[in-house]
Structure formats: C-alpha cells, structure tokens
Amino acid sequence: MKPFKPSHLKIERADKHIAEFEKCVLTLPNAYAATLTYNLKIRDKTIQSAVRYHLPNAAAIQAKLALVIGDAIHNLRTALDFAWIAAFGHFNIPTNHFSKFPILRTAKELTTALEKRKVNIASPDLYKGIVSEIKPYPGGNDDIWAIHSLDILDKHQLLIPLMHMVGVTGIILEDEKGNIVPHQFQWISEGGSLFVPLRENFHVKDKGKVTLHIVFAKHDLATDFMKVSDTLPLYSQLVLKIVEALEGFCGG
C-alpha cells in the first residue's frame, strides 16, 4: 500500500459518515408530529387554535446524529495523523506511538515542536509549508483547530447538535365550504415545539412540513452554531487538501 493511501481511506470513511448524516437529516421533516391544539397560552398570549409541530424522541435522534458527527470528525483527524507519519517515514524521521499531526495552541509552540523533531533540517520545505501555509493553531487555521478540539471533546462527551426549527412550508387551510384560503403564517417557537396560530373556522387540509437547521453547539470554536451539513464537507475538503500538500512535499 502506498504510504498516503491510509489517509485517503480515512477521508473516504469520513465522507461515508457525512453521507449517512445527510440521509438521516433528510428523513427528519417527515418525523415531526403535527397536531391541532386549542386554547393555548404562550408568552402571556392566548391562542385559540394552532398546529403544534414537535419531534418525538428528539433526544434519541440527536444522540444518533452525534455519533455520526463524532465518527466523521475522528476519521478526518486520523487522516492527518496518518499523513504526518507517512511524511516522517519519507524523510526518515523517527516516530513512536505518540506521533501525530502537529496541532498546537500557538505558532511558537508549533515551531518549537517541529524543530525539536528536526523537521526543519530533514525537510525545510515541509517545515515551511506547515509553519507558513497550513498554520495548524488557533488564529492560523481555526478550522483545523476545530477538527482537533472536536475530536478530543468527542472522547469525553457526545457532540450533540442543536436542532432549530426555522419555519413551516406547505400548510393549506380551507374554509367551511371547502375553499382554499390564502393565509400568511407566523410561527412561535416554545419549549422545543413550533406553533402556527390559525384563524377561526378554518380547517387544516395539509399540515405541511417543518424546515429545520441542525447546527453545532457552542464549544468556543469555529463551528459554533454552524450548520453541520455545510461544515463537515468543507472539513473533508480541507483535510484532503492538507494530505495532498504533505504528499507533495514528499514528491508524491
């Protein structure tokens, strides 16, 4: 097997997890329950009737999504480690069980770690590429730092995403004679449910579907409140770019 092949396999595995995440997300609008409720009091406001949208077993669904997110992040982080070890092998730099792609807290820590392993001597181009281009530290490349930090966090807790209902589409109302009634919908989010108030004497012909965004929770990282479905593919592309750069430094 070629030295960098394991890294590419890990990225491919991450992409499969990302595809699994997307597949799960696509099923969620159909999983929401929509029920008619009456005589509600929300935020000191009385609502005679509304459609309530909520997700049964939301906690279990969030946990399932967290497992997939964690697996994707871990495979991306491991792809970087594999590529780093392959580069060390190419330049005959000794490795051990603790060898990993350097992601440090500051630029100074990064240069110190690289120079301690004599990377600057073994391959000045690799050293320059890591220090000046890839910059794996906060403020240098916050996305690499996020991958690293989320991978560590996932070892201690699930990366539970936040699920935000941002609206409802496709609601159809009809009057007492069965005529379709134009209606401007406003919704109220309360206690994990979404409520769409209705006019009196109107019937719901179609309850429509919820539109939702699934975002990373706050961890003081670049991923905070970013849509997971947008972020993970970008991180996969970022890791692939770094792996290919390391291959390039090795003449690949």
Protein backbone atom coordinates (compact mmCIF):
# COMPACT_ATOMS: atom_id res chain seq x y z
CA MET A 1 0.00 0.00 0.00
CA LYS A 2 1.29 3.46 -0.86
CA PRO A 3 2.32 5.50 2.22
CA PHE A 4 -0.50 8.06 1.95
CA LYS A 5 -3.24 5.60 0.97
CA PRO A 6 -4.42 5.10 4.60
CA SER A 7 -5.09 8.84 4.86
CA HIS A 8 -7.24 8.78 1.76
CA LEU A 9 -9.11 5.76 3.08
CA LYS A 10 -9.86 7.61 6.31
CA ILE A 11 -11.18 10.60 4.36
CA GLU A 12 -13.37 8.26 2.30
CA ARG A 13 -14.69 6.76 5.53
CA ALA A 14 -15.41 10.25 6.88
CA ASP A 15 -17.31 11.04 3.68
CA LYS A 16 -19.45 7.95 4.21
CA HIS A 17 -20.34 9.18 7.68
CA ILE A 18 -21.15 12.60 6.25
CA ALA A 19 -23.43 10.96 3.68
CA GLU A 20 -25.08 8.98 6.49
CA PHE A 21 -25.67 12.22 8.39
CA GLU A 22 -27.29 13.81 5.33
CA LYS A 23 -29.50 10.77 4.85
CA CYS A 24 -30.70 11.00 8.44
CA VAL A 25 -31.38 14.71 8.12
CA LEU A 26 -33.49 14.25 5.01
CA THR A 27 -35.86 11.98 6.93
CA LEU A 28 -36.38 14.39 9.82
CA PRO A 29 -39.11 16.64 8.35
CA ASN A 30 -41.31 13.56 7.96
CA ALA A 31 -40.57 12.51 11.54
CA TYR A 32 -42.14 15.63 13.03
CA ALA A 33 -45.60 15.19 14.51
CA ALA A 34 -48.16 17.88 13.69
CA THR A 35 -51.19 18.10 15.96
CA LEU A 36 -54.03 20.58 16.35
CA THR A 37 -54.10 22.22 19.76
CA TYR A 38 -56.62 24.61 21.30
CA ASN A 39 -56.79 27.38 23.89
CA LEU A 40 -53.05 27.84 24.25
CA LYS A 41 -51.29 30.42 26.35
CA ILE A 42 -47.80 31.17 25.07
CA ARG A 43 -45.76 34.09 26.38
CA ASP A 44 -48.83 35.64 28.01
CA LYS A 45 -50.72 35.45 24.73
CA THR A 46 -53.88 33.37 24.32
CA ILE A 47 -54.16 31.44 21.05
CA GLN A 48 -57.48 29.80 20.28
CA SER A 49 -56.08 27.18 17.91
CA ALA A 50 -52.73 26.27 16.38
CA VAL A 51 -50.83 23.48 14.74
CA ARG A 52 -48.10 22.22 17.04
CA TYR A 53 -45.01 20.66 15.48
CA HIS A 54 -42.70 18.59 17.65
CA LEU A 55 -40.22 15.77 17.22
CA PRO A 56 -40.93 12.61 19.24
CA ASN A 57 -37.77 11.00 20.62
CA ALA A 58 -35.77 14.13 19.81
CA ALA A 59 -33.05 13.25 22.33
CA ALA A 60 -32.51 9.82 20.78
CA ILE A 61 -32.30 11.34 17.30
CA GLN A 62 -29.80 13.96 18.45
CA ALA A 63 -27.67 11.22 20.04
CA LYS A 64 -27.68 9.23 16.80
CA LEU A 65 -26.61 12.28 14.83
CA ALA A 66 -23.89 13.00 17.41
CA LEU A 67 -22.41 9.53 16.90
CA VAL A 68 -22.20 10.08 13.15
CA ILE A 69 -20.68 13.55 13.56
CA GLY A 70 -18.08 12.21 16.00
CA ASP A 71 -17.12 9.37 13.66
CA ALA A 72 -16.68 11.77 10.74
CA ILE A 73 -14.53 14.16 12.78
CA HIS A 74 -12.38 11.34 14.17
CA ASN A 75 -11.66 9.91 10.73
CA LEU A 76 -10.64 13.33 9.44
CA ARG A 77 -8.31 13.88 12.39
CA THR A 78 -6.82 10.42 11.92
CA ALA A 79 -6.27 11.08 8.21
CA LEU A 80 -3.99 13.97 9.20
CA ASP A 81 -2.08 11.74 11.64
CA PHE A 82 -1.59 9.01 9.04
CA ALA A 83 -0.31 11.55 6.51
CA TRP A 84 2.11 13.04 9.03
CA ILE A 85 3.56 9.63 9.89
CA ALA A 86 3.89 8.86 6.17
CA ALA A 87 5.80 12.12 5.69
CA PHE A 88 8.09 11.30 8.62
CA GLY A 89 8.74 7.90 7.08
CA HIS A 90 9.68 9.51 3.78
CA PHE A 91 12.21 11.82 5.46
CA ASN A 92 13.49 9.13 7.84
CA ILE A 93 12.33 11.00 10.94
CA PRO A 94 11.73 8.55 13.82
CA THR A 95 8.14 8.06 15.01
CA ASN A 96 6.53 6.41 18.03
CA HIS A 97 3.06 5.62 19.34
CA PHE A 98 2.59 9.28 20.28
CA SER A 99 3.42 10.70 16.85
CA LYS A 100 0.60 12.76 15.35
CA PHE A 101 -0.04 15.68 13.05
CA PRO A 102 1.01 18.78 15.00
CA ILE A 103 -1.90 20.98 16.04
CA LEU A 104 -0.76 23.33 18.77
CA ARG A 105 -2.10 26.33 20.63
CA THR A 106 0.31 28.94 19.25
CA ALA A 107 2.65 29.48 16.33
CA LYS A 108 5.56 29.42 18.79
CA GLU A 109 4.55 26.03 20.17
CA LEU A 110 4.30 24.74 16.59
CA THR A 111 7.78 25.86 15.54
CA THR A 112 9.24 24.55 18.79
CA ALA A 113 7.65 21.12 18.30
CA LEU A 114 8.80 20.88 14.68
CA GLU A 115 12.34 21.99 15.44
CA LYS A 116 12.54 19.56 18.34
CA ARG A 117 11.91 16.74 15.85
CA LYS A 118 14.36 18.42 13.43
CA VAL A 119 11.72 18.73 10.72
CA ASN A 120 13.32 22.00 9.66
CA ILE A 121 16.53 20.11 8.92
CA ALA A 122 15.05 16.94 7.41
CA SER A 123 12.78 18.92 5.05
CA PRO A 124 12.89 22.72 5.03
CA ASP A 125 10.01 22.74 2.53
CA LEU A 126 7.78 20.63 4.79
CA TYR A 127 8.70 22.82 7.75
CA LYS A 128 7.91 26.00 5.82
CA GLY A 129 4.66 24.55 4.50
CA ILE A 130 3.38 23.68 7.97
CA VAL A 131 4.51 26.94 9.58
CA SER A 132 3.68 29.41 6.82
CA GLU A 133 0.84 27.80 4.85
CA ILE A 134 -1.10 25.24 6.87
CA LYS A 135 -0.71 27.03 10.25
CA PRO A 136 -2.40 24.41 12.47
CA TYR A 137 -3.15 26.55 15.52
CA PRO A 138 -5.92 28.94 16.65
CA GLY A 139 -5.71 32.14 14.69
CA GLY A 140 -3.68 30.43 11.99
CA ASN A 141 -6.27 27.92 10.83
CA ASP A 142 -9.30 27.86 13.11
CA ASP A 143 -10.94 25.04 11.16
CA ILE A 144 -8.04 22.65 11.76
CA TRP A 145 -8.15 23.65 15.43
CA ALA A 146 -11.89 22.90 15.47
CA ILE A 147 -11.36 19.42 13.99
CA HIS A 148 -8.70 18.71 16.59
CA SER A 149 -10.73 20.07 19.50
CA LEU A 150 -13.98 18.35 18.50
CA ASP A 151 -12.13 15.04 18.18
CA ILE A 152 -10.83 15.42 21.74
CA LEU A 153 -14.24 16.53 23.02
CA ASP A 154 -15.90 13.52 21.40
CA LYS A 155 -13.75 11.26 23.58
CA HIS A 156 -15.42 12.69 26.67
CA GLN A 157 -18.95 13.51 25.53
CA LEU A 158 -21.24 13.20 22.54
CA LEU A 159 -21.16 16.07 20.09
CA ILE A 160 -24.90 16.67 20.47
CA PRO A 161 -26.07 19.05 17.72
CA LEU A 162 -28.74 21.69 18.14
CA MET A 163 -31.92 21.29 16.11
CA HIS A 164 -33.56 24.58 15.20
CA MET A 165 -37.00 24.65 13.61
CA VAL A 166 -36.93 27.73 11.42
CA GLY A 167 -40.32 27.56 9.78
CA VAL A 168 -43.08 25.53 8.17
CA THR A 169 -43.92 25.22 4.50
CA GLY A 170 -46.89 23.75 2.66
CA ILE A 171 -49.69 24.44 5.16
CA ILE A 172 -53.05 24.52 3.36
CA LEU A 173 -56.23 25.84 5.01
CA GLU A 174 -59.81 25.65 3.80
CA ASP A 175 -62.96 27.41 4.94
CA GLU A 176 -66.27 25.82 5.94
CA LYS A 177 -67.23 25.47 2.26
CA GLY A 178 -64.01 23.68 1.37
CA ASN A 179 -62.44 26.63 -0.39
CA ILE A 180 -58.68 27.04 -0.13
CA VAL A 181 -57.91 30.08 2.00
CA PRO A 182 -54.82 32.26 1.45
CA HIS A 183 -53.06 32.63 4.75
CA GLN A 184 -49.89 34.37 5.90
CA PHE A 185 -48.33 32.12 8.52
CA GLN A 186 -46.40 33.20 11.55
CA TRP A 187 -44.94 30.74 13.97
CA ILE A 188 -43.92 30.78 17.60
CA SER A 189 -41.12 28.62 18.98
CA GLU A 190 -41.64 27.48 22.55
CA GLY A 191 -40.32 24.60 24.64
CA GLY A 192 -38.90 22.60 21.75
CA SER A 193 -42.12 22.91 19.73
CA LEU A 194 -43.19 25.16 16.90
CA PHE A 195 -46.72 26.60 16.97
CA VAL A 196 -48.54 28.04 13.93
CA PRO A 197 -51.62 30.00 15.07
CA LEU A 198 -54.74 29.54 12.89
CA ARG A 199 -57.73 31.71 12.14
CA GLU A 200 -61.11 30.76 13.49
CA ASN A 201 -63.41 28.48 11.49
CA PHE A 202 -60.63 27.32 9.18
CA HIS A 203 -59.74 23.68 8.73
CA VAL A 204 -56.27 22.31 8.10
CA LYS A 205 -56.19 20.38 4.83
CA ASP A 206 -52.41 19.89 4.82
CA LYS A 207 -50.21 20.44 7.88
CA GLY A 208 -47.12 20.98 5.77
CA LYS A 209 -43.56 20.21 6.80
CA VAL A 210 -41.06 21.70 9.20
CA THR A 211 -37.91 23.39 7.93
CA LEU A 212 -35.03 22.87 10.33
CA HIS A 213 -31.36 23.61 10.68
CA ILE A 214 -29.01 21.27 12.53
CA VAL A 215 -26.04 23.16 13.90
CA PHE A 216 -23.04 22.55 16.11
CA ALA A 217 -23.45 23.51 19.74
CA LYS A 218 -21.31 26.20 21.33
CA HIS A 219 -17.80 24.99 22.15
CA ASP A 220 -15.95 28.28 21.55
CA LEU A 221 -14.75 27.00 18.18
CA ALA A 222 -15.15 28.00 14.54
CA THR A 223 -18.03 25.51 14.33
CA ASP A 224 -20.24 27.27 16.91
CA PHE A 225 -23.83 27.36 15.57
CA MET A 226 -22.64 26.49 12.05
CA LYS A 227 -24.80 24.11 10.02
CA VAL A 228 -23.36 20.63 10.31
CA SER A 229 -24.36 19.70 6.76
CA ASP A 230 -22.33 22.63 5.39
CA THR A 231 -19.35 22.33 7.72
CA LEU A 232 -18.44 18.63 7.55
CA PRO A 233 -18.00 18.51 3.74
CA LEU A 234 -15.82 21.63 3.93
CA TYR A 235 -13.69 19.99 6.62
CA SER A 236 -13.32 16.88 4.49
CA GLN A 237 -12.07 19.04 1.61
CA LEU A 238 -9.70 20.87 3.95
CA VAL A 239 -8.16 17.65 5.26
CA LEU A 240 -7.81 16.26 1.74
CA LYS A 241 -6.01 19.45 0.70
CA ILE A 242 -3.56 19.11 3.60
CA VAL A 243 -2.94 15.42 2.91
CA GLU A 244 -2.25 16.21 -0.74
CA ALA A 245 0.10 19.02 0.32
CA LEU A 246 2.06 16.61 2.53
CA GLU A 247 2.23 14.17 -0.35
CA GLY A 248 3.60 16.98 -2.50
CA PHE A 249 6.36 17.74 -0.01
CA CYS A 250 7.31 14.06 -0.27
CA GLY A 251 7.44 14.16 -4.05
CA GLY A 252 4.08 12.43 -4.49
